[in-house]
Amino acid sequence: MLLNFAIYLVLLVSRDWGAHRMLNYEERIAVGSALSQSLFLSLNDWSYGILLPRILISIAVKFPLQYLPLILFFMATLLWALYSLIIFWLVFRATNRYSIATLAGLLLILVPLPGLGMQGVVWNSFWPMFTALTVVVCCSAYDTPKPAVIGLSVLAFFTAASNPVTAVLLVLVAFDYWRNEFSRKRILFFASSLVLGLLFSLYVQVRQEPQYRYLGNWTQELAQTSQTFGWIEEAGGSRVRGVPPLNVSNLIQGIPGSIKYFLTQMAPEPFASRWILTESFISNLFHVLLLALLFFGVPISAVLLLRRRNLDSRVPQIVLRLSVIFVLVEALQIYLIGGVVQTRQLLFAPICCYWLAVFLLLPPTLITRRNLQGAISVGAVFLLLVFGLLAKQNFRDPLDVKLPLVGNGRYEEKDLWRPALKIAREKCETMSPDAIIIISQKTDIWVDAPVVVKCKFIAKN
């Protein structure tokens, strides 16, 4: 396992090197909040807890600020490698196949989502954390030694306290409690940790305040003082985020667009960036049917065949449970968004569930026969090659990546944070300690990650 952990670290650093040169867009508000107030006070300036990332960011800002992106990069790399190692261990226990477990462990590192900027970012670590916990539940890992159960329960608490989507896992946990009477005490302990974390997220949701509350009273005059403040105002920086009311019509209307977005973004380039912009109904229908046949035809056939020929295999059960989580996560996100899911960050968990299922269905040998099983094996290997192509295309994404409906990339070529911090500190020398300063790392506001904070909180120690 130490060898696997070392490999994961090397691959993560190789993919994300350069992320330490700039503070990521996703972390800018949490950094400003952590600099301005205590961890406890910062917890309710977001619509849900994101507890573990906030704890780590609060620790990181205690070090010299010029090294902040480097420290966050180091923390994120260790987190992603740890979650990958957990997945490797669980899959190896369930299948006793080292090659499949190794592939599963590499999933979080190589997951092909262009322009997402997830790896190397502490704030976004709640998605790989959720994926690792999903594998725990789908593999029914309650029969592990007691110390392992305690560790997995701690993971369940922090995951639920950092990502409310974790609530979907309760469906399978409740089913396991009902079915497995011999492990009910351990399942109950695990479920209690998960529910406790969800209660924390619910508390934060009820008590939340505007994201930029740490700056003091927000006024229209303040929002008009600069382009950045105006953009923050338009983006909802002075508003409290709420959960939309349940609207069945919106849910149903959001399904076709969400399916199209998911399938097209699983396709290699240039198809992904072209097909997502298609407006013709016939073209959209053709693309969706083609991609659905390509990506789901083989896995469904493989599960049906495996269930018929190998009744003792745990793989079909794990794949079925992954499919349940896949559907529940997509449905919950359609509800939370109130429409079409078209943000790459929200694709992370469903895509991980899909590729993990594909890895589990890979044949134990590449030697095939001319029958249905041989055809399915060839199809599974083909999907593995598609994953390899996607991973190669998206292994390195520059920050300013320009693709349709894509966020920022994960690395920068030159140091941006330290010069920006130096300029902000120089400006603060002629300003009041309570004056608000913007640490702007780029001139283009749409790819910048401006940290808005009072001068006294960035002064040199």
Protein backbone atom coordinates (compact mmCIF):
# COMPACT_ATOMS: atom_id res chain seq x y z
CA MET A 1 0.00 0.00 0.00
CA LEU A 2 2.93 2.32 0.61
CA LEU A 3 4.00 1.82 -3.00
CA ASN A 4 0.51 2.71 -4.21
CA PHE A 5 0.48 5.81 -1.99
CA ALA A 6 3.84 6.93 -3.41
CA ILE A 7 2.59 6.40 -6.98
CA TYR A 8 -0.54 8.42 -6.24
CA LEU A 9 1.55 11.29 -4.86
CA VAL A 10 3.83 11.33 -7.91
CA LEU A 11 0.90 11.35 -10.34
CA LEU A 12 -0.92 14.07 -8.41
CA VAL A 13 2.12 16.32 -8.30
CA SER A 14 2.74 15.67 -12.01
CA ARG A 15 -0.83 16.58 -12.91
CA ASP A 16 -1.23 19.56 -10.62
CA TRP A 17 2.23 21.11 -10.59
CA GLY A 18 1.70 24.83 -11.04
CA ALA A 19 -1.45 24.96 -8.89
CA HIS A 20 0.79 26.21 -6.07
CA ARG A 21 1.53 29.43 -7.99
CA MET A 22 -1.95 30.88 -7.60
CA LEU A 23 -4.72 30.76 -5.05
CA ASN A 24 -7.60 28.86 -6.65
CA TYR A 25 -10.89 30.58 -7.43
CA GLU A 26 -12.81 28.13 -5.25
CA GLU A 27 -10.74 29.01 -2.16
CA ARG A 28 -10.77 32.79 -2.29
CA ILE A 29 -13.79 33.40 -0.02
CA ALA A 30 -12.76 30.77 2.53
CA VAL A 31 -9.27 32.30 2.72
CA GLY A 32 -10.65 35.80 3.26
CA SER A 33 -13.01 34.49 5.91
CA ALA A 34 -10.28 32.47 7.68
CA LEU A 35 -7.99 35.51 7.75
CA SER A 36 -10.70 37.73 9.21
CA GLN A 37 -12.32 35.59 11.88
CA SER A 38 -12.19 32.35 13.83
CA LEU A 39 -13.07 28.96 12.36
CA PHE A 40 -16.32 28.81 14.33
CA LEU A 41 -17.51 32.19 13.02
CA SER A 42 -16.56 31.30 9.43
CA LEU A 43 -18.66 28.14 9.32
CA ASN A 44 -21.99 29.82 8.63
CA ASP A 45 -20.96 32.12 5.76
CA TRP A 46 -21.73 29.42 3.21
CA SER A 47 -24.84 27.45 2.36
CA TYR A 48 -23.40 24.23 3.79
CA GLY A 49 -20.60 23.31 6.13
CA ILE A 50 -17.63 22.16 4.03
CA LEU A 51 -16.12 21.47 7.43
CA LEU A 52 -12.84 19.69 6.67
CA PRO A 53 -11.69 22.12 3.93
CA ARG A 54 -12.46 25.05 6.23
CA ILE A 55 -10.43 23.50 9.06
CA LEU A 56 -7.45 22.97 6.74
CA ILE A 57 -7.67 26.49 5.28
CA SER A 58 -7.88 27.95 8.81
CA ILE A 59 -4.66 26.10 9.64
CA ALA A 60 -2.95 27.16 6.39
CA VAL A 61 -3.50 30.91 6.96
CA LYS A 62 -1.57 30.67 10.25
CA PHE A 63 1.63 30.24 8.23
CA PRO A 64 3.32 33.11 6.29
CA LEU A 65 0.83 34.19 3.63
CA GLN A 66 3.34 34.21 0.78
CA TYR A 67 3.42 30.40 1.03
CA LEU A 68 -0.36 29.95 1.27
CA PRO A 69 -1.04 28.39 -2.19
CA LEU A 70 1.94 26.03 -1.72
CA ILE A 71 0.67 24.87 1.69
CA LEU A 72 -2.85 24.35 0.35
CA PHE A 73 -1.43 22.43 -2.63
CA PHE A 74 0.51 20.18 -0.26
CA MET A 75 -2.58 19.54 1.88
CA ALA A 76 -4.79 18.80 -1.13
CA THR A 77 -2.26 16.39 -2.63
CA LEU A 78 -2.07 14.39 0.59
CA LEU A 79 -5.87 14.32 0.87
CA TRP A 80 -6.41 13.07 -2.68
CA ALA A 81 -3.72 10.41 -2.28
CA LEU A 82 -5.29 9.27 1.01
CA TYR A 83 -8.76 8.97 -0.52
CA SER A 84 -7.29 7.08 -3.48
CA LEU A 85 -5.58 4.67 -1.09
CA ILE A 86 -8.87 4.06 0.76
CA ILE A 87 -10.57 3.18 -2.53
CA PHE A 88 -7.71 0.85 -3.48
CA TRP A 89 -7.94 -0.98 -0.15
CA LEU A 90 -11.72 -1.38 -0.26
CA VAL A 91 -11.85 -2.60 -3.86
CA PHE A 92 -9.00 -5.06 -3.26
CA ARG A 93 -10.86 -6.46 -0.22
CA ALA A 94 -14.04 -6.85 -2.27
CA THR A 95 -12.54 -8.34 -5.45
CA ASN A 96 -9.11 -9.72 -4.49
CA ARG A 97 -7.85 -8.34 -7.83
CA TYR A 98 -4.81 -6.08 -7.45
CA SER A 99 -4.98 -4.69 -11.00
CA ILE A 100 -8.61 -3.62 -10.66
CA ALA A 101 -7.98 -2.15 -7.21
CA THR A 102 -5.03 -0.16 -8.58
CA LEU A 103 -7.17 1.22 -11.41
CA ALA A 104 -9.90 2.14 -8.93
CA GLY A 105 -7.35 3.95 -6.78
CA LEU A 106 -6.12 5.91 -9.79
CA LEU A 107 -9.65 7.04 -10.62
CA LEU A 108 -9.66 10.15 -8.42
CA ILE A 109 -6.31 11.21 -9.84
CA LEU A 110 -7.00 10.60 -13.53
CA VAL A 111 -10.74 11.30 -13.70
CA PRO A 112 -11.06 13.07 -17.06
CA LEU A 113 -12.86 16.36 -16.58
CA PRO A 114 -11.23 19.19 -18.57
CA GLY A 115 -10.92 22.61 -17.01
CA LEU A 116 -12.32 21.53 -13.68
CA GLY A 117 -9.36 22.40 -11.47
CA MET A 118 -10.30 19.87 -8.81
CA GLN A 119 -7.02 18.11 -8.00
CA GLY A 120 -4.63 20.22 -5.96
CA VAL A 121 -7.46 22.30 -4.45
CA VAL A 122 -8.32 21.87 -0.77
CA TRP A 123 -11.78 23.40 -1.11
CA ASN A 124 -12.93 20.84 -3.70
CA SER A 125 -11.63 17.88 -1.68
CA PHE A 126 -15.16 17.18 -0.43
CA TRP A 127 -15.94 15.49 -3.78
CA PRO A 128 -13.17 12.85 -3.67
CA MET A 129 -14.04 12.43 0.01
CA PHE A 130 -17.63 11.68 -0.98
CA THR A 131 -16.44 9.27 -3.68
CA ALA A 132 -14.29 7.37 -1.18
CA LEU A 133 -17.21 7.12 1.25
CA THR A 134 -19.44 5.93 -1.60
CA VAL A 135 -17.03 3.05 -2.18
CA VAL A 136 -17.16 2.27 1.55
CA VAL A 137 -20.95 1.97 1.44
CA CYS A 138 -21.15 0.20 -1.93
CA CYS A 139 -18.62 -2.41 -0.77
CA SER A 140 -20.51 -2.79 2.54
CA ALA A 141 -17.22 -2.44 4.42
CA TYR A 142 -18.75 -2.89 7.85
CA ASP A 143 -17.01 -6.20 8.57
CA THR A 144 -13.57 -4.60 8.75
CA PRO A 145 -11.58 -4.60 12.03
CA LYS A 146 -12.93 -2.28 14.73
CA PRO A 147 -10.18 0.39 14.31
CA ALA A 148 -10.98 0.51 10.59
CA VAL A 149 -14.70 0.90 11.30
CA ILE A 150 -13.93 3.82 13.63
CA GLY A 151 -11.73 5.43 10.98
CA LEU A 152 -14.40 4.99 8.30
CA SER A 153 -17.00 6.45 10.67
CA VAL A 154 -14.81 9.52 11.18
CA LEU A 155 -14.60 9.78 7.39
CA ALA A 156 -18.41 9.53 7.25
CA PHE A 157 -18.84 12.40 9.72
CA PHE A 158 -16.44 14.78 7.98
CA THR A 159 -17.83 13.88 4.55
CA ALA A 160 -21.43 14.52 5.60
CA ALA A 161 -20.38 17.73 7.41
CA SER A 162 -18.56 18.90 4.28
CA ASN A 163 -20.94 17.73 1.53
CA PRO A 164 -24.72 17.41 2.09
CA VAL A 165 -25.04 15.22 -1.01
CA THR A 166 -23.77 12.49 1.32
CA ALA A 167 -27.40 12.10 2.43
CA VAL A 168 -28.06 9.82 -0.57
CA LEU A 169 -25.82 7.17 1.00
CA LEU A 170 -28.34 6.71 3.82
CA VAL A 171 -30.55 4.79 1.38
CA LEU A 172 -28.00 1.98 1.08
CA VAL A 173 -26.92 2.17 4.73
CA ALA A 174 -30.55 1.70 5.86
CA PHE A 175 -30.92 -1.24 3.49
CA ASP A 176 -27.75 -2.83 4.88
CA TYR A 177 -29.00 -2.39 8.44
CA TRP A 178 -32.24 -4.14 7.57
CA ARG A 179 -30.56 -6.98 5.64
CA ASN A 180 -27.41 -7.66 7.67
CA GLU A 181 -28.41 -8.50 11.23
CA PHE A 182 -24.92 -9.67 12.20
CA SER A 183 -23.28 -6.28 11.60
CA ARG A 184 -26.05 -4.02 12.84
CA LYS A 185 -24.05 -2.52 15.71
CA ARG A 186 -21.24 -1.47 13.39
CA ILE A 187 -23.66 -0.22 10.75
CA LEU A 188 -25.51 1.79 13.39
CA PHE A 189 -22.26 3.33 14.63
CA PHE A 190 -21.30 4.23 11.05
CA ALA A 191 -24.77 5.61 10.28
CA SER A 192 -24.79 7.69 13.48
CA SER A 193 -21.56 9.41 12.42
CA LEU A 194 -23.03 10.09 9.00
CA VAL A 195 -26.28 11.50 10.40
CA LEU A 196 -24.37 13.67 12.89
CA GLY A 197 -22.42 15.20 10.01
CA LEU A 198 -25.62 15.82 8.07
CA LEU A 199 -27.15 17.54 11.09
CA PHE A 200 -24.14 19.85 11.17
CA SER A 201 -24.70 20.70 7.48
CA LEU A 202 -28.38 21.32 8.19
CA TYR A 203 -27.49 23.61 11.10
CA VAL A 204 -25.19 25.64 8.87
CA GLN A 205 -27.87 25.79 6.16
CA VAL A 206 -30.37 27.20 8.67
CA ARG A 207 -27.90 29.62 10.28
CA GLN A 208 -26.05 30.72 7.16
CA GLU A 209 -25.18 34.34 6.42
CA PRO A 210 -23.86 36.07 3.26
CA GLN A 211 -20.48 34.84 2.02
CA TYR A 212 -18.77 38.21 2.50
CA ARG A 213 -20.24 38.85 5.95
CA TYR A 214 -16.69 38.89 7.35
CA LEU A 215 -16.13 42.28 5.65
CA GLY A 216 -18.79 43.93 7.78
CA ASN A 217 -22.05 45.50 6.66
CA TRP A 218 -22.55 45.13 2.91
CA THR A 219 -23.86 48.23 1.15
CA GLN A 220 -24.61 49.19 -2.43
CA GLU A 221 -21.96 51.91 -2.13
CA LEU A 222 -19.39 49.26 -1.26
CA ALA A 223 -20.45 47.15 -4.24
CA GLN A 224 -19.93 50.13 -6.56
CA THR A 225 -16.37 50.92 -5.46
CA SER A 226 -14.71 48.59 -7.97
CA GLN A 227 -15.35 46.15 -10.78
CA THR A 228 -14.55 43.25 -8.48
CA PHE A 229 -17.06 44.34 -5.85
CA GLY A 230 -19.67 44.83 -8.53
CA TRP A 231 -19.03 41.35 -9.87
CA ILE A 232 -19.25 39.92 -6.34
CA GLU A 233 -22.58 41.68 -5.90
CA GLU A 234 -23.92 40.26 -9.16
CA ALA A 235 -22.71 36.79 -8.21
CA GLY A 236 -24.71 36.88 -4.98
CA GLY A 237 -21.97 37.75 -2.50
CA SER A 238 -24.40 39.76 -0.37
CA ARG A 239 -27.23 37.22 -0.52
CA VAL A 240 -28.01 34.11 1.48
CA ARG A 241 -28.28 30.96 -0.59
CA GLY A 242 -31.47 28.99 -0.06
CA VAL A 243 -32.69 25.56 -1.04
CA PRO A 244 -35.26 25.86 -3.86
CA PRO A 245 -38.79 24.60 -3.20
CA LEU A 246 -39.61 21.16 -4.56
CA ASN A 247 -40.88 21.58 -8.10
CA VAL A 248 -41.61 18.30 -9.86
CA SER A 249 -42.03 20.07 -13.18
CA ASN A 250 -38.53 21.59 -12.95
CA LEU A 251 -37.10 18.20 -12.01
CA ILE A 252 -38.64 16.52 -15.03
CA GLN A 253 -37.65 19.35 -17.37
CA GLY A 254 -34.07 19.26 -16.09
CA ILE A 255 -33.57 15.56 -16.82
CA PRO A 256 -33.06 15.69 -20.65
CA GLY A 257 -30.56 18.54 -20.49
CA SER A 258 -28.69 16.93 -17.59
CA ILE A 259 -28.44 13.63 -19.48
CA LYS A 260 -27.13 15.44 -22.56
CA TYR A 261 -24.57 17.36 -20.53
CA PHE A 262 -23.36 14.26 -18.71
CA LEU A 263 -22.99 12.12 -21.83
CA THR A 264 -21.38 14.77 -24.03
CA GLN A 265 -18.84 15.65 -21.34
CA MET A 266 -17.82 12.00 -21.13
CA ALA A 267 -16.91 12.03 -24.81
CA PRO A 268 -13.36 12.81 -25.99
CA GLU A 269 -12.46 16.14 -27.55
CA PRO A 270 -13.35 17.65 -29.95
CA PHE A 271 -16.76 15.95 -29.66
CA ALA A 272 -17.42 17.09 -26.07
CA SER A 273 -16.99 20.80 -26.78
CA ARG A 274 -18.88 20.62 -30.10
CA TRP A 275 -21.84 18.45 -29.16
CA ILE A 276 -22.65 20.35 -25.98
CA LEU A 277 -23.41 23.42 -28.15
CA THR A 278 -25.74 21.54 -30.53
CA GLU A 279 -29.26 22.98 -30.56
CA SER A 280 -30.95 20.75 -33.16
CA PHE A 281 -33.35 18.23 -31.57
CA ILE A 282 -32.46 15.51 -34.07
CA SER A 283 -28.73 16.01 -33.57
CA ASN A 284 -29.10 16.03 -29.79
CA LEU A 285 -31.17 12.85 -29.90
CA PHE A 286 -28.62 11.14 -32.15
CA HIS A 287 -25.69 12.16 -29.94
CA VAL A 288 -27.43 11.05 -26.72
CA LEU A 289 -28.48 7.67 -28.14
CA LEU A 290 -25.04 7.03 -29.61
CA LEU A 291 -23.20 7.92 -26.42
CA ALA A 292 -25.68 6.03 -24.22
CA LEU A 293 -25.20 2.90 -26.34
CA LEU A 294 -21.43 3.31 -26.25
CA PHE A 295 -21.06 4.01 -22.53
CA PHE A 296 -23.90 1.97 -21.01
CA GLY A 297 -24.52 -0.90 -23.41
CA VAL A 298 -21.42 -2.85 -22.42
CA PRO A 299 -21.66 -2.38 -18.61
CA ILE A 300 -25.33 -3.41 -18.49
CA SER A 301 -24.66 -6.50 -20.64
CA ALA A 302 -21.63 -7.41 -18.51
CA VAL A 303 -23.60 -7.19 -15.25
CA LEU A 304 -26.43 -9.36 -16.62
CA LEU A 305 -23.99 -11.98 -17.91
CA LEU A 306 -21.94 -12.00 -14.70
CA ARG A 307 -25.03 -12.45 -12.54
CA ARG A 308 -26.08 -15.43 -14.62
CA ARG A 309 -22.71 -17.19 -14.75
CA ASN A 310 -21.12 -16.34 -11.41
CA LEU A 311 -23.71 -16.17 -8.65
CA ASP A 312 -21.06 -15.86 -5.93
CA SER A 313 -19.40 -12.75 -7.37
CA ARG A 314 -19.80 -9.53 -5.38
CA VAL A 315 -19.13 -7.39 -8.44
CA PRO A 316 -22.73 -7.20 -9.79
CA GLN A 317 -23.97 -6.16 -6.35
CA ILE A 318 -21.34 -3.42 -6.01
CA VAL A 319 -22.05 -2.17 -9.54
CA LEU A 320 -25.79 -2.09 -8.83
CA ARG A 321 -25.18 -0.08 -5.65
CA LEU A 322 -22.93 2.33 -7.54
CA SER A 323 -25.73 2.75 -10.10
CA VAL A 324 -28.20 3.62 -7.33
CA ILE A 325 -25.87 6.31 -5.97
CA PHE A 326 -25.25 7.56 -9.53
CA VAL A 327 -28.99 8.11 -10.09
CA LEU A 328 -29.66 9.58 -6.64
CA VAL A 329 -26.78 12.07 -6.88
CA GLU A 330 -27.92 13.28 -10.31
CA ALA A 331 -31.55 13.61 -9.14
CA LEU A 332 -30.55 15.48 -5.97
CA GLN A 333 -28.35 17.90 -7.90
CA ILE A 334 -31.12 18.57 -10.44
CA TYR A 335 -33.35 19.44 -7.49
CA LEU A 336 -30.77 21.64 -5.74
CA ILE A 337 -29.99 23.52 -8.93
CA GLY A 338 -33.62 23.72 -9.94
CA GLY A 339 -32.92 22.79 -13.54
CA VAL A 340 -30.24 21.36 -15.81
CA VAL A 341 -27.01 20.15 -14.21
CA GLN A 342 -24.37 21.81 -16.38
CA THR A 343 -21.46 22.43 -14.03
CA ARG A 344 -18.46 20.16 -14.37
CA GLN A 345 -17.87 20.06 -10.63
CA LEU A 346 -21.28 18.40 -10.20
CA LEU A 347 -20.29 15.68 -12.67
CA PHE A 348 -17.39 14.49 -10.53
CA ALA A 349 -19.22 11.97 -8.32
CA PRO A 350 -21.47 10.46 -11.06
CA ILE A 351 -18.54 10.06 -13.45
CA CYS A 352 -16.43 8.43 -10.73
CA CYS A 353 -19.27 5.99 -9.99
CA TYR A 354 -19.54 5.15 -13.69
CA TRP A 355 -15.83 4.51 -14.32
CA LEU A 356 -15.45 2.56 -11.09
CA ALA A 357 -18.25 0.25 -12.28
CA VAL A 358 -16.48 -0.17 -15.63
CA PHE A 359 -13.19 -1.05 -13.91
CA LEU A 360 -14.94 -3.68 -11.77
CA LEU A 361 -16.39 -5.30 -14.91
CA LEU A 362 -13.07 -5.65 -16.72
CA PRO A 363 -12.30 -9.30 -17.62
CA PRO A 364 -9.59 -11.11 -15.61
CA THR A 365 -7.77 -11.95 -18.87
CA LEU A 366 -7.51 -10.38 -22.31
CA ILE A 367 -7.87 -13.80 -23.97
CA THR A 368 -11.42 -13.87 -25.34
CA ARG A 369 -13.65 -16.33 -27.16
CA ARG A 370 -15.96 -15.74 -30.09
CA ASN A 371 -19.15 -15.58 -28.05
CA LEU A 372 -21.22 -13.06 -26.14
CA GLN A 373 -18.83 -13.05 -23.18
CA GLY A 374 -15.91 -12.40 -25.51
CA ALA A 375 -17.72 -9.50 -27.17
CA ILE A 376 -18.53 -7.94 -23.81
CA SER A 377 -14.91 -8.32 -22.70
CA VAL A 378 -13.72 -6.56 -25.85
CA GLY A 379 -16.24 -3.78 -25.19
CA ALA A 380 -15.02 -3.35 -21.60
CA VAL A 381 -11.41 -3.11 -22.76
CA PHE A 382 -12.50 -0.56 -25.39
CA LEU A 383 -14.08 1.57 -22.65
CA LEU A 384 -10.83 1.35 -20.69
CA LEU A 385 -9.00 2.68 -23.75
CA VAL A 386 -11.53 5.53 -23.98
CA PHE A 387 -10.81 6.37 -20.33
CA GLY A 388 -7.09 6.37 -21.10
CA LEU A 389 -7.63 8.75 -24.04
CA LEU A 390 -9.74 11.09 -21.93
CA ALA A 391 -7.18 11.06 -19.12
CA LYS A 392 -4.39 11.84 -21.59
CA GLN A 393 -6.34 14.72 -23.15
CA ASN A 394 -7.09 16.31 -19.80
CA PHE A 395 -4.05 15.39 -17.71
CA ARG A 396 -2.77 18.97 -17.72
CA ASP A 397 -5.22 21.89 -17.94
CA PRO A 398 -3.87 25.46 -17.95
CA LEU A 399 -5.76 27.99 -15.85
CA ASP A 400 -6.96 29.95 -18.88
CA VAL A 401 -8.32 26.90 -20.72
CA LYS A 402 -10.94 28.00 -23.26
CA LEU A 403 -13.64 25.38 -23.80
CA PRO A 404 -17.44 25.81 -23.88
CA LEU A 405 -19.08 25.73 -20.45
CA VAL A 406 -15.80 24.98 -18.69
CA GLY A 407 -14.41 26.49 -15.51
CA ASN A 408 -10.81 27.30 -14.71
CA GLY A 409 -7.97 24.86 -15.16
CA ARG A 410 -5.69 23.55 -12.46
CA TYR A 411 -2.27 25.15 -12.96
CA GLU A 412 -0.50 28.40 -13.83
CA GLU A 413 2.82 28.93 -15.60
CA LYS A 414 4.13 31.80 -13.45
CA ASP A 415 3.90 32.88 -9.83
CA LEU A 416 0.83 35.08 -9.38
CA TRP A 417 0.03 34.97 -5.67
CA ARG A 418 3.20 36.43 -4.15
CA PRO A 419 3.43 39.47 -6.49
CA ALA A 420 -0.28 40.16 -5.91
CA LEU A 421 0.14 39.89 -2.14
CA LYS A 422 3.18 42.19 -2.25
CA ILE A 423 1.27 44.84 -4.22
CA ALA A 424 -1.69 44.64 -1.82
CA ARG A 425 0.58 45.05 1.20
CA GLU A 426 2.27 48.08 -0.36
CA LYS A 427 -1.11 49.70 -0.97
CA CYS A 428 -2.17 48.98 2.59
CA GLU A 429 0.79 50.96 3.94
CA THR A 430 -1.00 54.15 2.88
CA MET A 431 -4.45 53.01 3.97
CA SER A 432 -6.30 52.51 7.23
CA PRO A 433 -5.93 49.07 8.89
CA ASP A 434 -9.70 48.62 8.50
CA ALA A 435 -9.66 49.56 4.83
CA ILE A 436 -10.70 46.82 2.40
CA ILE A 437 -8.10 45.65 -0.09
CA ILE A 438 -8.47 43.33 -3.08
CA ILE A 439 -5.62 40.88 -3.69
CA SER A 440 -6.06 40.50 -7.44
CA GLN A 441 -3.89 37.90 -9.15
CA LYS A 442 -5.02 38.47 -12.76
CA THR A 443 -6.33 41.36 -14.78
CA ASP A 444 -9.12 39.27 -16.34
CA ILE A 445 -11.73 39.14 -13.62
CA TRP A 446 -13.32 35.95 -14.98
CA VAL A 447 -10.16 33.90 -14.39
CA ASP A 448 -8.97 35.84 -11.36
CA ALA A 449 -9.47 34.65 -7.79
CA PRO A 450 -9.60 37.96 -5.91
CA VAL A 451 -9.24 37.75 -2.14
CA VAL A 452 -11.19 40.58 -0.52
CA VAL A 453 -9.99 41.32 3.01
CA LYS A 454 -9.14 44.16 5.37
CA CYS A 455 -5.58 45.47 5.37
CA LYS A 456 -4.88 44.57 8.99
CA PHE A 457 -5.28 40.87 8.24
CA ILE A 458 -2.55 40.70 5.60
CA ALA A 459 0.02 42.85 7.33
CA LYS A 460 3.45 41.23 7.77
CA ASN A 461 3.92 39.55 11.13
